[in-house]
Each structure stands twice: as structure tokens, then as C-alpha cells.
Amino acid sequence: LQLVAAGTPEYDWRTTFKTLSEMRPELQGAIAVVVSLRPFYEALDG
């Protein structure tokens, strides 16, 4: 949503987080924490 709001939508998860980190450096720490949760999401998804 942040990227859609900025007019630069991305949907691949790696590209999404990388692009937002570059666009919003103040969120880099928060984004890194969320990215680290990917294995738990994949567990939910089987």
C-alpha cells in the first residue's frame, strides 16, 4: 500500500520490501523485522 500510494506499486515480496526500504530509510529496521517473519508465513501457507 505504501508503494501504491507513492505511485510505484510492486508485488514481489523481496522487491516490495527493498523498494520501500530505499524510499523510507526510517522504516528499514521495522522492515527487516517483518522480513524475518517470512518463514512463519510460509509455515501457515504449508
All heavy atoms as atom14 arrays in JSON, in Angstrom:
{
  "sequence": "LQLVAAGTPEYDWRTTFKTLSEMRPELQGAIAVVVSLRPFYEALDG",
  "atom14_mask": [
    [1, 1, 1, 1, 1, 1, 1, 1, 0, 0, 0, 0, 0, 0],
    [1, 1, 1, 1, 1, 1, 1, 1, 1, 0, 0, 0, 0, 0],
    [1, 1, 1, 1, 1, 1, 1, 1, 0, 0, 0, 0, 0, 0],
    [1, 1, 1, 1, 1, 1, 1, 0, 0, 0, 0, 0, 0, 0],
    [1, 1, 1, 1, 1, 0, 0, 0, 0, 0, 0, 0, 0, 0],
    [1, 1, 1, 1, 1, 0, 0, 0, 0, 0, 0, 0, 0, 0],
    [1, 1, 1, 1, 0, 0, 0, 0, 0, 0, 0, 0, 0, 0],
    [1, 1, 1, 1, 1, 1, 1, 0, 0, 0, 0, 0, 0, 0],
    [1, 1, 1, 1, 1, 1, 1, 0, 0, 0, 0, 0, 0, 0],
    [1, 1, 1, 1, 1, 1, 1, 1, 1, 0, 0, 0, 0, 0],
    [1, 1, 1, 1, 1, 1, 1, 1, 1, 1, 1, 1, 0, 0],
    [1, 1, 1, 1, 1, 1, 1, 1, 0, 0, 0, 0, 0, 0],
    [1, 1, 1, 1, 1, 1, 1, 1, 1, 1, 1, 1, 1, 1],
    [1, 1, 1, 1, 1, 1, 1, 1, 1, 1, 1, 0, 0, 0],
    [1, 1, 1, 1, 1, 1, 1, 0, 0, 0, 0, 0, 0, 0],
    [1, 1, 1, 1, 1, 1, 1, 0, 0, 0, 0, 0, 0, 0],
    [1, 1, 1, 1, 1, 1, 1, 1, 1, 1, 1, 0, 0, 0],
    [1, 1, 1, 1, 1, 1, 1, 1, 1, 0, 0, 0, 0, 0],
    [1, 1, 1, 1, 1, 1, 1, 0, 0, 0, 0, 0, 0, 0],
    [1, 1, 1, 1, 1, 1, 1, 1, 0, 0, 0, 0, 0, 0],
    [1, 1, 1, 1, 1, 1, 0, 0, 0, 0, 0, 0, 0, 0],
    [1, 1, 1, 1, 1, 1, 1, 1, 1, 0, 0, 0, 0, 0],
    [1, 1, 1, 1, 1, 1, 1, 1, 0, 0, 0, 0, 0, 0],
    [1, 1, 1, 1, 1, 1, 1, 1, 1, 1, 1, 0, 0, 0],
    [1, 1, 1, 1, 1, 1, 1, 0, 0, 0, 0, 0, 0, 0],
    [1, 1, 1, 1, 1, 1, 1, 1, 1, 0, 0, 0, 0, 0],
    [1, 1, 1, 1, 1, 1, 1, 1, 0, 0, 0, 0, 0, 0],
    [1, 1, 1, 1, 1, 1, 1, 1, 1, 0, 0, 0, 0, 0],
    [1, 1, 1, 1, 0, 0, 0, 0, 0, 0, 0, 0, 0, 0],
    [1, 1, 1, 1, 1, 0, 0, 0, 0, 0, 0, 0, 0, 0],
    [1, 1, 1, 1, 1, 1, 1, 1, 0, 0, 0, 0, 0, 0],
    [1, 1, 1, 1, 1, 0, 0, 0, 0, 0, 0, 0, 0, 0],
    [1, 1, 1, 1, 1, 1, 1, 0, 0, 0, 0, 0, 0, 0],
    [1, 1, 1, 1, 1, 1, 1, 0, 0, 0, 0, 0, 0, 0],
    [1, 1, 1, 1, 1, 1, 1, 0, 0, 0, 0, 0, 0, 0],
    [1, 1, 1, 1, 1, 1, 0, 0, 0, 0, 0, 0, 0, 0],
    [1, 1, 1, 1, 1, 1, 1, 1, 0, 0, 0, 0, 0, 0],
    [1, 1, 1, 1, 1, 1, 1, 1, 1, 1, 1, 0, 0, 0],
    [1, 1, 1, 1, 1, 1, 1, 0, 0, 0, 0, 0, 0, 0],
    [1, 1, 1, 1, 1, 1, 1, 1, 1, 1, 1, 0, 0, 0],
    [1, 1, 1, 1, 1, 1, 1, 1, 1, 1, 1, 1, 0, 0],
    [1, 1, 1, 1, 1, 1, 1, 1, 1, 0, 0, 0, 0, 0],
    [1, 1, 1, 1, 1, 0, 0, 0, 0, 0, 0, 0, 0, 0],
    [1, 1, 1, 1, 1, 1, 1, 1, 0, 0, 0, 0, 0, 0],
    [1, 1, 1, 1, 1, 1, 1, 1, 0, 0, 0, 0, 0, 0],
    [1, 1, 1, 1, 0, 0, 0, 0, 0, 0, 0, 0, 0, 0]
  ],
  "atom14_positions": [
    [[0.83, -1.21, 0.0], [0.0, 0.0, 0.0], [0.86, 1.26, 0.0], [0.53, 2.25, -0.67], [-0.92, 0.02, 1.22], [-2.22, -0.78, 1.15], [-3.04, -0.53, 2.41], [-3.04, -0.43, -0.09], [0.0, 0.0, 0.0], [0.0, 0.0, 0.0], [0.0, 0.0, 0.0], [0.0, 0.0, 0.0], [0.0, 0.0, 0.0], [0.0, 0.0, 0.0]],
    [[1.96, 1.23, 0.77], [2.85, 2.4, 0.78], [3.37, 2.69, -0.63], [3.45, 3.85, -1.04], [4.04, 2.14, 1.73], [3.69, 2.0, 3.2], [3.4, 3.33, 3.9], [3.42, 4.39, 3.27], [3.14, 3.26, 5.19], [0.0, 0.0, 0.0], [0.0, 0.0, 0.0], [0.0, 0.0, 0.0], [0.0, 0.0, 0.0], [0.0, 0.0, 0.0]],
    [[3.71, 1.64, -1.37], [4.23, 1.84, -2.72], [3.12, 2.25, -3.7], [3.35, 3.05, -4.6], [4.93, 0.57, -3.21], [6.18, 0.16, -2.41], [6.82, -1.07, -3.04], [7.18, 1.3, -2.32], [0.0, 0.0, 0.0], [0.0, 0.0, 0.0], [0.0, 0.0, 0.0], [0.0, 0.0, 0.0], [0.0, 0.0, 0.0], [0.0, 0.0, 0.0]],
    [[1.93, 1.68, -3.53], [0.79, 2.11, -4.35], [0.52, 3.59, -4.12], [0.29, 4.36, -5.06], [-0.46, 1.27, -4.04], [-1.7, 1.86, -4.71], [-0.27, -0.18, -4.49], [0.0, 0.0, 0.0], [0.0, 0.0, 0.0], [0.0, 0.0, 0.0], [0.0, 0.0, 0.0], [0.0, 0.0, 0.0], [0.0, 0.0, 0.0], [0.0, 0.0, 0.0]],
    [[0.56, 4.01, -2.86], [0.32, 5.41, -2.52], [1.36, 6.32, -3.15], [1.06, 7.46, -3.53], [0.33, 5.59, -1.0], [0.0, 0.0, 0.0], [0.0, 0.0, 0.0], [0.0, 0.0, 0.0], [0.0, 0.0, 0.0], [0.0, 0.0, 0.0], [0.0, 0.0, 0.0], [0.0, 0.0, 0.0], [0.0, 0.0, 0.0], [0.0, 0.0, 0.0]],
    [[2.59, 5.82, -3.29], [3.67, 6.61, -3.88], [3.68, 6.53, -5.4], [4.51, 7.17, -6.05], [5.01, 6.14, -3.33], [0.0, 0.0, 0.0], [0.0, 0.0, 0.0], [0.0, 0.0, 0.0], [0.0, 0.0, 0.0], [0.0, 0.0, 0.0], [0.0, 0.0, 0.0], [0.0, 0.0, 0.0], [0.0, 0.0, 0.0], [0.0, 0.0, 0.0]],
    [[2.78, 5.72, -5.97], [2.72, 5.59, -7.42], [3.74, 4.64, -8.0], [3.99, 4.67, -9.21], [0.0, 0.0, 0.0], [0.0, 0.0, 0.0], [0.0, 0.0, 0.0], [0.0, 0.0, 0.0], [0.0, 0.0, 0.0], [0.0, 0.0, 0.0], [0.0, 0.0, 0.0], [0.0, 0.0, 0.0], [0.0, 0.0, 0.0], [0.0, 0.0, 0.0]],
    [[4.35, 3.79, -7.16], [5.35, 2.83, -7.64], [5.02, 1.43, -7.14], [5.8, 0.84, -6.38], [6.76, 3.23, -7.16], [6.74, 3.32, -5.72], [7.18, 4.56, -7.75], [0.0, 0.0, 0.0], [0.0, 0.0, 0.0], [0.0, 0.0, 0.0], [0.0, 0.0, 0.0], [0.0, 0.0, 0.0], [0.0, 0.0, 0.0], [0.0, 0.0, 0.0]],
    [[3.87, 0.87, -7.52], [3.45, -0.43, -6.97], [4.39, -1.56, -7.35], [4.86, -1.64, -8.48], [2.06, -0.63, -7.57], [2.06, 0.2, -8.82], [2.91, 1.38, -8.51], [0.0, 0.0, 0.0], [0.0, 0.0, 0.0], [0.0, 0.0, 0.0], [0.0, 0.0, 0.0], [0.0, 0.0, 0.0], [0.0, 0.0, 0.0], [0.0, 0.0, 0.0]],
    [[4.66, -2.42, -6.38], [5.42, -3.65, -6.57], [4.7, -4.75, -5.8], [4.06, -4.48, -4.78], [6.86, -3.51, -6.05], [7.73, -2.53, -6.81], [8.14, -3.03, -8.19], [7.9, -4.22, -8.47], [8.68, -2.23, -8.97], [0.0, 0.0, 0.0], [0.0, 0.0, 0.0], [0.0, 0.0, 0.0], [0.0, 0.0, 0.0], [0.0, 0.0, 0.0]],
    [[4.84, -6.01, -6.27], [4.11, -7.09, -5.62], [5.0, -8.28, -5.26], [4.63, -9.06, -4.4], [2.93, -7.54, -6.5], [1.99, -6.4, -6.73], [2.03, -5.68, -7.93], [1.1, -6.0, -5.75], [1.19, -4.6, -8.12], [0.25, -4.93, -5.95], [0.3, -4.23, -7.14], [-0.53, -3.16, -7.33], [0.0, 0.0, 0.0], [0.0, 0.0, 0.0]],
    [[6.13, -8.43, -5.88], [7.09, -9.43, -5.43], [7.56, -9.02, -4.04], [7.96, -7.87, -3.81], [8.27, -9.5, -6.39], [9.41, -10.34, -5.83], [9.25, -11.58, -5.77], [10.43, -9.74, -5.43], [0.0, 0.0, 0.0], [0.0, 0.0, 0.0], [0.0, 0.0, 0.0], [0.0, 0.0, 0.0], [0.0, 0.0, 0.0], [0.0, 0.0, 0.0]],
    [[7.53, -9.94, -3.08], [7.79, -9.53, -1.7], [9.19, -8.99, -1.49], [9.39, -8.01, -0.77], [7.48, -10.68, -0.73], [8.36, -11.89, -0.8], [8.23, -12.97, -1.62], [9.52, -12.15, 0.01], [9.21, -13.89, -1.38], [10.02, -13.42, -0.38], [10.17, -11.45, 1.03], [11.14, -13.99, 0.21], [11.29, -12.02, 1.63], [11.77, -13.28, 1.21]],
    [[10.18, -9.57, -2.15], [11.54, -9.07, -1.99], [11.67, -7.67, -2.55], [12.25, -6.77, -1.92], [12.54, -10.01, -2.68], [12.66, -11.39, -2.03], [13.69, -12.22, -2.75], [13.81, -13.57, -2.2], [13.04, -14.59, -2.56], [12.09, -14.42, -3.48], [13.19, -15.78, -2.0], [0.0, 0.0, 0.0], [0.0, 0.0, 0.0], [0.0, 0.0, 0.0]],
    [[11.13, -7.47, -3.76], [11.21, -6.15, -4.4], [10.42, -5.11, -3.62], [10.85, -3.96, -3.47], [10.68, -6.24, -5.84], [11.37, -7.25, -6.55], [10.85, -4.91, -6.56], [0.0, 0.0, 0.0], [0.0, 0.0, 0.0], [0.0, 0.0, 0.0], [0.0, 0.0, 0.0], [0.0, 0.0, 0.0], [0.0, 0.0, 0.0], [0.0, 0.0, 0.0]],
    [[9.26, -5.53, -3.09], [8.43, -4.61, -2.31], [9.2, -4.08, -1.11], [9.28, -2.86, -0.88], [7.15, -5.32, -1.84], [6.34, -5.62, -2.97], [6.36, -4.43, -0.88], [0.0, 0.0, 0.0], [0.0, 0.0, 0.0], [0.0, 0.0, 0.0], [0.0, 0.0, 0.0], [0.0, 0.0, 0.0], [0.0, 0.0, 0.0], [0.0, 0.0, 0.0]],
    [[9.77, -4.98, -0.32], [10.47, -4.54, 0.89], [11.74, -3.75, 0.56], [12.05, -2.77, 1.24], [10.82, -5.75, 1.77], [9.62, -6.37, 2.45], [9.34, -7.73, 2.31], [8.77, -5.6, 3.22], [8.25, -8.3, 2.95], [7.67, -6.16, 3.86], [7.41, -7.52, 3.72], [0.0, 0.0, 0.0], [0.0, 0.0, 0.0], [0.0, 0.0, 0.0]],
    [[12.44, -4.16, -0.48], [13.67, -3.45, -0.87], [13.35, -2.04, -1.34], [14.01, -1.07, -0.94], [14.38, -4.22, -1.99], [15.67, -3.58, -2.49], [16.35, -4.47, -3.53], [17.68, -3.88, -3.98], [17.51, -2.62, -4.74], [0.0, 0.0, 0.0], [0.0, 0.0, 0.0], [0.0, 0.0, 0.0], [0.0, 0.0, 0.0], [0.0, 0.0, 0.0]],
    [[12.3, -1.92, -2.16], [11.92, -0.6, -2.68], [11.46, 0.32, -1.56], [11.84, 1.5, -1.51], [10.81, -0.74, -3.73], [11.25, -1.61, -4.79], [10.45, 0.61, -4.34], [0.0, 0.0, 0.0], [0.0, 0.0, 0.0], [0.0, 0.0, 0.0], [0.0, 0.0, 0.0], [0.0, 0.0, 0.0], [0.0, 0.0, 0.0], [0.0, 0.0, 0.0]],
    [[10.66, -0.21, -0.64], [10.18, 0.63, 0.46], [11.33, 1.03, 1.38], [11.36, 2.16, 1.88], [9.09, -0.1, 1.25], [8.42, 0.72, 2.36], [7.75, 1.96, 1.8], [7.41, -0.13, 3.13], [0.0, 0.0, 0.0], [0.0, 0.0, 0.0], [0.0, 0.0, 0.0], [0.0, 0.0, 0.0], [0.0, 0.0, 0.0], [0.0, 0.0, 0.0]],
    [[12.28, 0.13, 1.61], [13.43, 0.47, 2.44], [14.23, 1.62, 1.84], [14.71, 2.51, 2.56], [14.35, -0.76, 2.6], [13.75, -1.75, 3.39], [0.0, 0.0, 0.0], [0.0, 0.0, 0.0], [0.0, 0.0, 0.0], [0.0, 0.0, 0.0], [0.0, 0.0, 0.0], [0.0, 0.0, 0.0], [0.0, 0.0, 0.0], [0.0, 0.0, 0.0]],
    [[14.36, 1.6, 0.51], [15.1, 2.68, -0.15], [14.31, 3.98, -0.13], [14.89, 5.07, 0.0], [15.41, 2.27, -1.59], [16.38, 1.1, -1.7], [16.5, 0.54, -3.1], [15.67, 0.92, -3.97], [17.39, -0.3, -3.33], [0.0, 0.0, 0.0], [0.0, 0.0, 0.0], [0.0, 0.0, 0.0], [0.0, 0.0, 0.0], [0.0, 0.0, 0.0]],
    [[12.99, 3.88, -0.25], [12.14, 5.06, -0.27], [11.95, 5.67, 1.11], [11.9, 6.88, 1.27], [10.76, 4.68, -0.85], [9.8, 5.84, -0.97], [8.17, 5.26, -1.52], [8.62, 4.49, -3.08], [0.0, 0.0, 0.0], [0.0, 0.0, 0.0], [0.0, 0.0, 0.0], [0.0, 0.0, 0.0], [0.0, 0.0, 0.0], [0.0, 0.0, 0.0]],
    [[11.89, 4.79, 2.13], [11.64, 5.24, 3.51], [12.74, 4.7, 4.42], [12.53, 3.72, 5.13], [10.27, 4.74, 3.98], [9.06, 5.17, 3.13], [8.54, 6.52, 3.54], [8.25, 6.59, 4.96], [7.12, 6.14, 5.53], [6.18, 5.59, 4.78], [6.92, 6.26, 6.83], [0.0, 0.0, 0.0], [0.0, 0.0, 0.0], [0.0, 0.0, 0.0]],
    [[13.92, 5.29, 4.4], [15.03, 4.77, 5.2], [14.7, 4.64, 6.69], [15.24, 3.77, 7.37], [16.14, 5.8, 4.98], [15.81, 6.45, 3.67], [14.32, 6.48, 3.6], [0.0, 0.0, 0.0], [0.0, 0.0, 0.0], [0.0, 0.0, 0.0], [0.0, 0.0, 0.0], [0.0, 0.0, 0.0], [0.0, 0.0, 0.0], [0.0, 0.0, 0.0]],
    [[13.8, 5.49, 7.18], [13.45, 5.43, 8.6], [12.7, 4.16, 8.97], [12.56, 3.81, 10.15], [12.6, 6.66, 8.98], [11.17, 6.66, 8.49], [10.99, 7.15, 7.05], [12.02, 7.25, 6.33], [9.86, 7.43, 6.66], [0.0, 0.0, 0.0], [0.0, 0.0, 0.0], [0.0, 0.0, 0.0], [0.0, 0.0, 0.0], [0.0, 0.0, 0.0]],
    [[12.22, 3.43, 7.94], [11.49, 2.18, 8.19], [12.37, 0.94, 8.02], [11.87, -0.18, 8.17], [10.3, 2.07, 7.24], [9.13, 3.04, 7.46], [8.04, 2.79, 6.42], [8.56, 2.91, 8.87], [0.0, 0.0, 0.0], [0.0, 0.0, 0.0], [0.0, 0.0, 0.0], [0.0, 0.0, 0.0], [0.0, 0.0, 0.0], [0.0, 0.0, 0.0]],
    [[13.64, 1.12, 7.71], [14.47, -0.03, 7.39], [14.53, -1.05, 8.52], [14.47, -2.27, 8.29], [15.88, 0.43, 7.02], [15.95, 1.09, 5.65], [17.34, 1.56, 5.29], [18.28, 1.46, 6.09], [17.49, 2.11, 4.08], [0.0, 0.0, 0.0], [0.0, 0.0, 0.0], [0.0, 0.0, 0.0], [0.0, 0.0, 0.0], [0.0, 0.0, 0.0]],
    [[14.63, -0.59, 9.76], [14.67, -1.52, 10.89], [13.38, -2.3, 11.03], [13.39, -3.52, 11.23], [0.0, 0.0, 0.0], [0.0, 0.0, 0.0], [0.0, 0.0, 0.0], [0.0, 0.0, 0.0], [0.0, 0.0, 0.0], [0.0, 0.0, 0.0], [0.0, 0.0, 0.0], [0.0, 0.0, 0.0], [0.0, 0.0, 0.0], [0.0, 0.0, 0.0]],
    [[12.25, -1.6, 10.91], [10.94, -2.26, 11.02], [10.75, -3.26, 9.89], [10.23, -4.37, 10.1], [9.83, -1.21, 11.01], [0.0, 0.0, 0.0], [0.0, 0.0, 0.0], [0.0, 0.0, 0.0], [0.0, 0.0, 0.0], [0.0, 0.0, 0.0], [0.0, 0.0, 0.0], [0.0, 0.0, 0.0], [0.0, 0.0, 0.0], [0.0, 0.0, 0.0]],
    [[11.16, -2.87, 8.69], [11.02, -3.77, 7.54], [11.86, -5.02, 7.73], [11.41, -6.14, 7.42], [11.41, -3.02, 6.24], [10.35, -1.96, 5.92], [11.55, -4.0, 5.07], [10.75, -1.01, 4.81], [0.0, 0.0, 0.0], [0.0, 0.0, 0.0], [0.0, 0.0, 0.0], [0.0, 0.0, 0.0], [0.0, 0.0, 0.0], [0.0, 0.0, 0.0]],
    [[13.07, -4.86, 8.25], [13.94, -6.03, 8.48], [13.28, -7.01, 9.45], [13.37, -8.23, 9.27], [15.29, -5.58, 9.01], [0.0, 0.0, 0.0], [0.0, 0.0, 0.0], [0.0, 0.0, 0.0], [0.0, 0.0, 0.0], [0.0, 0.0, 0.0], [0.0, 0.0, 0.0], [0.0, 0.0, 0.0], [0.0, 0.0, 0.0], [0.0, 0.0, 0.0]],
    [[12.61, -6.49, 10.47], [11.93, -7.37, 11.43], [10.81, -8.13, 10.74], [10.65, -9.35, 10.92], [11.38, -6.55, 12.62], [10.47, -7.42, 13.49], [12.53, -5.98, 13.45], [0.0, 0.0, 0.0], [0.0, 0.0, 0.0], [0.0, 0.0, 0.0], [0.0, 0.0, 0.0], [0.0, 0.0, 0.0], [0.0, 0.0, 0.0], [0.0, 0.0, 0.0]],
    [[10.01, -7.43, 9.93], [8.89, -8.08, 9.25], [9.4, -9.12, 8.25], [8.86, -10.23, 8.16], [8.0, -7.03, 8.55], [6.97, -7.7, 7.65], [7.28, -6.17, 9.59], [0.0, 0.0, 0.0], [0.0, 0.0, 0.0], [0.0, 0.0, 0.0], [0.0, 0.0, 0.0], [0.0, 0.0, 0.0], [0.0, 0.0, 0.0], [0.0, 0.0, 0.0]],
    [[10.45, -8.8, 7.51], [11.02, -9.75, 6.55], [11.46, -11.03, 7.27], [11.31, -12.14, 6.74], [12.2, -9.12, 5.79], [12.95, -10.18, 4.98], [11.7, -8.02, 4.85], [0.0, 0.0, 0.0], [0.0, 0.0, 0.0], [0.0, 0.0, 0.0], [0.0, 0.0, 0.0], [0.0, 0.0, 0.0], [0.0, 0.0, 0.0], [0.0, 0.0, 0.0]],
    [[11.99, -10.9, 8.48], [12.46, -12.07, 9.23], [11.32, -13.02, 9.6], [11.57, -14.16, 9.98], [13.19, -11.63, 10.5], [12.28, -11.18, 11.5], [0.0, 0.0, 0.0], [0.0, 0.0, 0.0], [0.0, 0.0, 0.0], [0.0, 0.0, 0.0], [0.0, 0.0, 0.0], [0.0, 0.0, 0.0], [0.0, 0.0, 0.0], [0.0, 0.0, 0.0]],
    [[10.07, -12.56, 9.47], [8.91, -13.38, 9.8], [8.44, -14.23, 8.61], [7.5, -15.01, 8.75], [7.74, -12.5, 10.26], [8.01, -11.59, 11.46], [6.78, -10.77, 11.78], [8.45, -12.4, 12.67], [0.0, 0.0, 0.0], [0.0, 0.0, 0.0], [0.0, 0.0, 0.0], [0.0, 0.0, 0.0], [0.0, 0.0, 0.0], [0.0, 0.0, 0.0]],
    [[9.08, -14.08, 7.48], [8.67, -14.82, 6.28], [8.53, -16.33, 6.52], [7.56, -16.95, 6.06], [9.65, -14.54, 5.14], [9.39, -15.32, 3.85], [8.27, -14.71, 3.06], [7.94, -15.55, 1.89], [7.06, -15.22, 0.97], [6.41, -14.08, 1.05], [6.8, -16.01, -0.05], [0.0, 0.0, 0.0], [0.0, 0.0, 0.0], [0.0, 0.0, 0.0]],
    [[9.45, -16.98, 7.23], [9.3, -18.43, 7.45], [8.02, -18.79, 8.19], [7.43, -19.85, 7.93], [10.54, -18.78, 8.29], [11.55, -17.73, 7.94], [10.74, -16.48, 7.75], [0.0, 0.0, 0.0], [0.0, 0.0, 0.0], [0.0, 0.0, 0.0], [0.0, 0.0, 0.0], [0.0, 0.0, 0.0], [0.0, 0.0, 0.0], [0.0, 0.0, 0.0]],
    [[7.56, -17.93, 9.09], [6.32, -18.22, 9.82], [5.12, -18.12, 8.89], [4.17, -18.89, 8.98], [6.17, -17.26, 11.0], [7.25, -17.42, 12.02], [8.39, -16.62, 11.99], [7.16, -18.39, 13.01], [9.4, -16.77, 12.92], [8.17, -18.55, 13.95], [9.29, -17.75, 13.9], [0.0, 0.0, 0.0], [0.0, 0.0, 0.0], [0.0, 0.0, 0.0]],
    [[5.18, -17.16, 7.96], [4.13, -17.03, 6.95], [4.11, -18.25, 6.05], [3.05, -18.79, 5.72], [4.36, -15.76, 6.14], [3.47, -15.62, 4.93], [2.14, -15.24, 5.05], [3.98, -15.89, 3.65], [1.33, -15.11, 3.94], [3.17, -15.77, 2.54], [1.85, -15.38, 2.68], [1.04, -15.26, 1.57], [0.0, 0.0, 0.0], [0.0, 0.0, 0.0]],
    [[5.28, -18.72, 5.64], [5.35, -19.9, 4.78], [4.87, -21.14, 5.51], [4.31, -22.05, 4.89], [6.78, -20.09, 4.27], [7.21, -19.0, 3.3], [8.62, -19.21, 2.77], [9.32, -20.09, 3.29], [9.01, -18.49, 1.83], [0.0, 0.0, 0.0], [0.0, 0.0, 0.0], [0.0, 0.0, 0.0], [0.0, 0.0, 0.0], [0.0, 0.0, 0.0]],
    [[5.06, -21.19, 6.82], [4.53, -22.31, 7.6], [3.01, -22.3, 7.57], [2.36, -23.35, 7.44], [5.03, -22.24, 9.04], [0.0, 0.0, 0.0], [0.0, 0.0, 0.0], [0.0, 0.0, 0.0], [0.0, 0.0, 0.0], [0.0, 0.0, 0.0], [0.0, 0.0, 0.0], [0.0, 0.0, 0.0], [0.0, 0.0, 0.0], [0.0, 0.0, 0.0]],
    [[2.41, -21.11, 7.69], [0.95, -21.01, 7.61], [0.45, -21.44, 6.24], [-0.62, -22.04, 6.11], [0.51, -19.55, 7.85], [0.61, -19.0, 9.26], [0.1, -17.56, 9.28], [-0.15, -19.85, 10.25], [0.0, 0.0, 0.0], [0.0, 0.0, 0.0], [0.0, 0.0, 0.0], [0.0, 0.0, 0.0], [0.0, 0.0, 0.0], [0.0, 0.0, 0.0]],
    [[1.23, -21.13, 5.23], [0.85, -21.41, 3.85], [1.19, -22.83, 3.42], [0.99, -23.21, 2.27], [1.55, -20.39, 2.92], [0.85, -20.25, 1.59], [-0.38, -20.45, 1.54], [1.52, -19.95, 0.59], [0.0, 0.0, 0.0], [0.0, 0.0, 0.0], [0.0, 0.0, 0.0], [0.0, 0.0, 0.0], [0.0, 0.0, 0.0], [0.0, 0.0, 0.0]],
    [[1.76, -23.62, 4.33], [2.07, -25.01, 4.03], [3.36, -25.22, 3.27], [3.63, -26.32, 2.79], [0.0, 0.0, 0.0], [0.0, 0.0, 0.0], [0.0, 0.0, 0.0], [0.0, 0.0, 0.0], [0.0, 0.0, 0.0], [0.0, 0.0, 0.0], [0.0, 0.0, 0.0], [0.0, 0.0, 0.0], [0.0, 0.0, 0.0], [0.0, 0.0, 0.0]]
  ]
}
